[in-house]
Amino acid sequence: MVTLHTTLSVYTPKPTGAWVWAVVLQSIAIFAVPIFFMISGMNLLGVSSA
């Protein structure tokens, strides 16, 4: 989640090397948000694994 907050330069499209790197990091780390909410909801409901 920290990666998503530190690569906010993605939203100012200036095609530099740093911008491309930020886009790559955003696209890799974006899956973390729904996973975080699913795990949080599972913990709130008291579901235990295995």
PDB file of N, CA and C in Angstrom:
ATOM      1  N   MET A   1       0.812  -1.190   0.000  1.00  0.00           N
ATOM      2  CA  MET A   1       0.000   0.000   0.000  1.00  0.00           C
ATOM      3  C   MET A   1       0.863   1.264   0.000  1.00  0.00           C
ATOM      4  N   VAL A   2       2.005   1.204   0.625  1.00  0.00           N
ATOM      5  CA  VAL A   2       2.896   2.357   0.628  1.00  0.00           C
ATOM      6  C   VAL A   2       3.336   2.681  -0.796  1.00  0.00           C
ATOM      7  N   THR A   3       3.544   1.660  -1.602  1.00  0.00           N
ATOM      8  CA  THR A   3       3.961   1.868  -2.983  1.00  0.00           C
ATOM      9  C   THR A   3       2.936   2.695  -3.749  1.00  0.00           C
ATOM     10  N   LEU A   4       1.668   2.436  -3.507  1.00  0.00           N
ATOM     11  CA  LEU A   4       0.627   3.189  -4.208  1.00  0.00           C
ATOM     12  C   LEU A   4       0.642   4.667  -3.820  1.00  0.00           C
ATOM     13  N   HIS A   5       0.990   4.957  -2.573  1.00  0.00           N
ATOM     14  CA  HIS A   5       1.016   6.344  -2.130  1.00  0.00           C
ATOM     15  C   HIS A   5       2.285   7.074  -2.557  1.00  0.00           C
ATOM     16  N   THR A   6       3.358   6.355  -2.735  1.00  0.00           N
ATOM     17  CA  THR A   6       4.605   7.010  -3.097  1.00  0.00           C
ATOM     18  C   THR A   6       4.793   7.155  -4.599  1.00  0.00           C
ATOM     19  N   THR A   7       3.947   6.525  -5.388  1.00  0.00           N
ATOM     20  CA  THR A   7       4.048   6.632  -6.847  1.00  0.00           C
ATOM     21  C   THR A   7       2.892   7.432  -7.419  1.00  0.00           C
ATOM     22  N   LEU A   8       2.510   8.481  -6.725  1.00  0.00           N
ATOM     23  CA  LEU A   8       1.402   9.314  -7.202  1.00  0.00           C
ATOM     24  C   LEU A   8       1.781  10.178  -8.396  1.00  0.00           C
ATOM     25  N   SER A   9       3.045  10.163  -8.777  1.00  0.00           N
ATOM     26  CA  SER A   9       3.446  10.915  -9.958  1.00  0.00           C
ATOM     27  C   SER A   9       2.857  10.311 -11.228  1.00  0.00           C
ATOM     28  N   VAL A  10       2.233   9.163 -11.119  1.00  0.00           N
ATOM     29  CA  VAL A  10       1.564   8.525 -12.258  1.00  0.00           C
ATOM     30  C   VAL A  10       0.469   9.440 -12.806  1.00  0.00           C
ATOM     31  N   TYR A  11      -0.132  10.212 -11.948  1.00  0.00           N
ATOM     32  CA  TYR A  11      -1.267  11.037 -12.348  1.00  0.00           C
ATOM     33  C   TYR A  11      -0.857  12.365 -12.977  1.00  0.00           C
ATOM     34  N   THR A  12       0.429  12.592 -13.152  1.00  0.00           N
ATOM     35  CA  THR A  12       0.919  13.729 -13.927  1.00  0.00           C
ATOM     36  C   THR A  12       1.704  13.177 -15.106  1.00  0.00           C
ATOM     37  N   PRO A  13       1.020  12.890 -16.203  1.00  0.00           N
ATOM     38  CA  PRO A  13       1.650  12.146 -17.306  1.00  0.00           C
ATOM     39  C   PRO A  13       2.748  12.914 -18.030  1.00  0.00           C
ATOM     40  N   LYS A  14       3.951  12.758 -17.544  1.00  0.00           N
ATOM     41  CA  LYS A  14       5.140  13.262 -18.222  1.00  0.00           C
ATOM     42  C   LYS A  14       6.001  12.042 -18.498  1.00  0.00           C
ATOM     43  N   PRO A  15       6.059  11.589 -19.733  1.00  0.00           N
ATOM     44  CA  PRO A  15       6.728  10.320 -20.017  1.00  0.00           C
ATOM     45  C   PRO A  15       8.250  10.361 -19.810  1.00  0.00           C
ATOM     46  N   THR A  16       8.638  10.318 -18.567  1.00  0.00           N
ATOM     47  CA  THR A  16      10.051  10.238 -18.222  1.00  0.00           C
ATOM     48  C   THR A  16      10.336   8.835 -17.700  1.00  0.00           C
ATOM     49  N   GLY A  17      11.578   8.556 -17.427  1.00  0.00           N
ATOM     50  CA  GLY A  17      11.931   7.252 -16.879  1.00  0.00           C
ATOM     51  C   GLY A  17      11.293   7.011 -15.527  1.00  0.00           C
ATOM     52  N   ALA A  18      11.250   8.043 -14.680  1.00  0.00           N
ATOM     53  CA  ALA A  18      10.638   7.903 -13.359  1.00  0.00           C
ATOM     54  C   ALA A  18       9.138   7.666 -13.470  1.00  0.00           C
ATOM     55  N   TRP A  19       8.492   8.302 -14.445  1.00  0.00           N
ATOM     56  CA  TRP A  19       7.054   8.120 -14.634  1.00  0.00           C
ATOM     57  C   TRP A  19       6.750   6.693 -15.072  1.00  0.00           C
ATOM     58  N   VAL A  20       7.545   6.167 -15.999  1.00  0.00           N
ATOM     59  CA  VAL A  20       7.342   4.796 -16.463  1.00  0.00           C
ATOM     60  C   VAL A  20       7.544   3.817 -15.312  1.00  0.00           C
ATOM     61  N   TRP A  21       8.557   4.041 -14.500  1.00  0.00           N
ATOM     62  CA  TRP A  21       8.813   3.180 -13.350  1.00  0.00           C
ATOM     63  C   TRP A  21       7.649   3.249 -12.359  1.00  0.00           C
ATOM     64  N   ALA A  22       7.082   4.436 -12.141  1.00  0.00           N
ATOM     65  CA  ALA A  22       5.938   4.581 -11.236  1.00  0.00           C
ATOM     66  C   ALA A  22       4.723   3.837 -11.785  1.00  0.00           C
ATOM     67  N   VAL A  23       4.512   3.881 -13.091  1.00  0.00           N
ATOM     68  CA  VAL A  23       3.394   3.150 -13.698  1.00  0.00           C
ATOM     69  C   VAL A  23       3.572   1.649 -13.506  1.00  0.00           C
ATOM     70  N   VAL A  24       4.777   1.166 -13.679  1.00  0.00           N
ATOM     71  CA  VAL A  24       5.055  -0.266 -13.495  1.00  0.00           C
ATOM     72  C   VAL A  24       4.779  -0.670 -12.043  1.00  0.00           C
ATOM     73  N   LEU A  25       5.267   0.120 -11.094  1.00  0.00           N
ATOM     74  CA  LEU A  25       5.041  -0.203  -9.688  1.00  0.00           C
ATOM     75  C   LEU A  25       3.559  -0.147  -9.330  1.00  0.00           C
ATOM     76  N   GLN A  26       2.838   0.841  -9.867  1.00  0.00           N
ATOM     77  CA  GLN A  26       1.402   0.938  -9.616  1.00  0.00           C
ATOM     78  C   GLN A  26       0.671  -0.285 -10.149  1.00  0.00           C
ATOM     79  N   SER A  27       1.020  -0.702 -11.362  1.00  0.00           N
ATOM     80  CA  SER A  27       0.310  -1.829 -11.953  1.00  0.00           C
ATOM     81  C   SER A  27       0.614  -3.138 -11.232  1.00  0.00           C
ATOM     82  N   ILE A  28       1.782  -3.256 -10.629  1.00  0.00           N
ATOM     83  CA  ILE A  28       2.106  -4.461  -9.864  1.00  0.00           C
ATOM     84  C   ILE A  28       1.409  -4.448  -8.504  1.00  0.00           C
ATOM     85  N   ALA A  29       1.366  -3.294  -7.857  1.00  0.00           N
ATOM     86  CA  ALA A  29       0.876  -3.218  -6.476  1.00  0.00           C
ATOM     87  C   ALA A  29      -0.612  -2.949  -6.355  1.00  0.00           C
ATOM     88  N   ILE A  30      -1.312  -2.666  -7.431  1.00  0.00           N
ATOM     89  CA  ILE A  30      -2.718  -2.271  -7.334  1.00  0.00           C
ATOM     90  C   ILE A  30      -3.604  -3.403  -6.821  1.00  0.00           C
ATOM     91  N   PHE A  31      -3.157  -4.656  -6.976  1.00  0.00           N
ATOM     92  CA  PHE A  31      -3.953  -5.778  -6.494  1.00  0.00           C
ATOM     93  C   PHE A  31      -4.067  -5.782  -4.971  1.00  0.00           C
ATOM     94  N   ALA A  32      -3.205  -5.075  -4.272  1.00  0.00           N
ATOM     95  CA  ALA A  32      -3.172  -5.117  -2.815  1.00  0.00           C
ATOM     96  C   ALA A  32      -4.413  -4.502  -2.171  1.00  0.00           C
ATOM     97  N   VAL A  33      -5.045  -3.555  -2.823  1.00  0.00           N
ATOM     98  CA  VAL A  33      -6.186  -2.866  -2.209  1.00  0.00           C
ATOM     99  C   VAL A  33      -7.376  -3.807  -2.015  1.00  0.00           C
ATOM    100  N   PRO A  34      -7.870  -4.500  -3.056  1.00  0.00           N
ATOM    101  CA  PRO A  34      -8.998  -5.409  -2.800  1.00  0.00           C
ATOM    102  C   PRO A  34      -8.621  -6.585  -1.887  1.00  0.00           C
ATOM    103  N   ILE A  35      -7.384  -7.055  -1.969  1.00  0.00           N
ATOM    104  CA  ILE A  35      -6.946  -8.133  -1.081  1.00  0.00           C
ATOM    105  C   ILE A  35      -6.981  -7.658   0.371  1.00  0.00           C
ATOM    106  N   PHE A  36      -6.526  -6.436   0.610  1.00  0.00           N
ATOM    107  CA  PHE A  36      -6.551  -5.867   1.960  1.00  0.00           C
ATOM    108  C   PHE A  36      -7.980  -5.798   2.501  1.00  0.00           C
ATOM    109  N   PHE A  37      -8.930  -5.344   1.670  1.00  0.00           N
ATOM    110  CA  PHE A  37     -10.314  -5.251   2.126  1.00  0.00           C
ATOM    111  C   PHE A  37     -10.925  -6.629   2.371  1.00  0.00           C
ATOM    112  N   MET A  38     -10.592  -7.607   1.550  1.00  0.00           N
ATOM    113  CA  MET A  38     -11.114  -8.961   1.759  1.00  0.00           C
ATOM    114  C   MET A  38     -10.582  -9.569   3.049  1.00  0.00           C
ATOM    115  N   ILE A  39      -9.297  -9.392   3.310  1.00  0.00           N
ATOM    116  CA  ILE A  39      -8.718  -9.936   4.540  1.00  0.00           C
ATOM    117  C   ILE A  39      -9.281  -9.213   5.760  1.00  0.00           C
ATOM    118  N   SER A  40      -9.461  -7.895   5.662  1.00  0.00           N
ATOM    119  CA  SER A  40     -10.036  -7.138   6.778  1.00  0.00           C
ATOM    120  C   SER A  40     -11.464  -7.586   7.062  1.00  0.00           C
ATOM    121  N   GLY A  41     -12.256  -7.769   6.007  1.00  0.00           N
ATOM    122  CA  GLY A  41     -13.634  -8.228   6.186  1.00  0.00           C
ATOM    123  C   GLY A  41     -13.692  -9.624   6.771  1.00  0.00           C
ATOM    124  N   MET A  42     -12.786 -10.494   6.335  1.00  0.00           N
ATOM    125  CA  MET A  42     -12.740 -11.848   6.877  1.00  0.00           C
ATOM    126  C   MET A  42     -12.433 -11.817   8.371  1.00  0.00           C
ATOM    127  N   ASN A  43     -11.519 -10.955   8.771  1.00  0.00           N
ATOM    128  CA  ASN A  43     -11.179 -10.840  10.185  1.00  0.00           C
ATOM    129  C   ASN A  43     -12.321 -10.246  11.002  1.00  0.00           C
ATOM    130  N   LEU A  44     -13.071  -9.323  10.416  1.00  0.00           N
ATOM    131  CA  LEU A  44     -14.202  -8.743  11.127  1.00  0.00           C
ATOM    132  C   LEU A  44     -15.324  -9.755  11.349  1.00  0.00           C
ATOM    133  N   LEU A  45     -15.494 -10.670  10.384  1.00  0.00           N
ATOM    134  CA  LEU A  45     -16.533 -11.683  10.497  1.00  0.00           C
ATOM    135  C   LEU A  45     -16.118 -12.856  11.377  1.00  0.00           C
ATOM    136  N   GLY A  46     -14.856 -12.909  11.741  1.00  0.00           N
ATOM    137  CA  GLY A  46     -14.372 -13.970  12.619  1.00  0.00           C
ATOM    138  C   GLY A  46     -14.149 -15.284  11.893  1.00  0.00           C
ATOM    139  N   VAL A  47     -13.892 -15.245  10.611  1.00  0.00           N
ATOM    140  CA  VAL A  47     -13.636 -16.458   9.853  1.00  0.00           C
ATOM    141  C   VAL A  47     -12.197 -16.890  10.099  1.00  0.00           C
ATOM    142  N   SER A  48     -12.020 -18.149  10.443  1.00  0.00           N
ATOM    143  CA  SER A  48     -10.660 -18.636  10.638  1.00  0.00           C
ATOM    144  C   SER A  48     -10.317 -19.611   9.507  1.00  0.00           C
ATOM    145  N   SER A  49      -9.074 -19.599   9.119  1.00  0.00           N
ATOM    146  CA  SER A  49      -8.657 -20.490   8.042  1.00  0.00           C
ATOM    147  C   SER A  49      -8.307 -21.852   8.606  1.00  0.00           C
ATOM    148  N   ALA A  50      -8.697 -22.882   7.908  1.00  0.00           N
ATOM    149  CA  ALA A  50      -8.439 -24.297   8.230  1.00  0.00           C
ATOM    150  C   ALA A  50      -8.808 -24.538   9.642  1.00  0.00           C
TER     151      ALA A  50
END
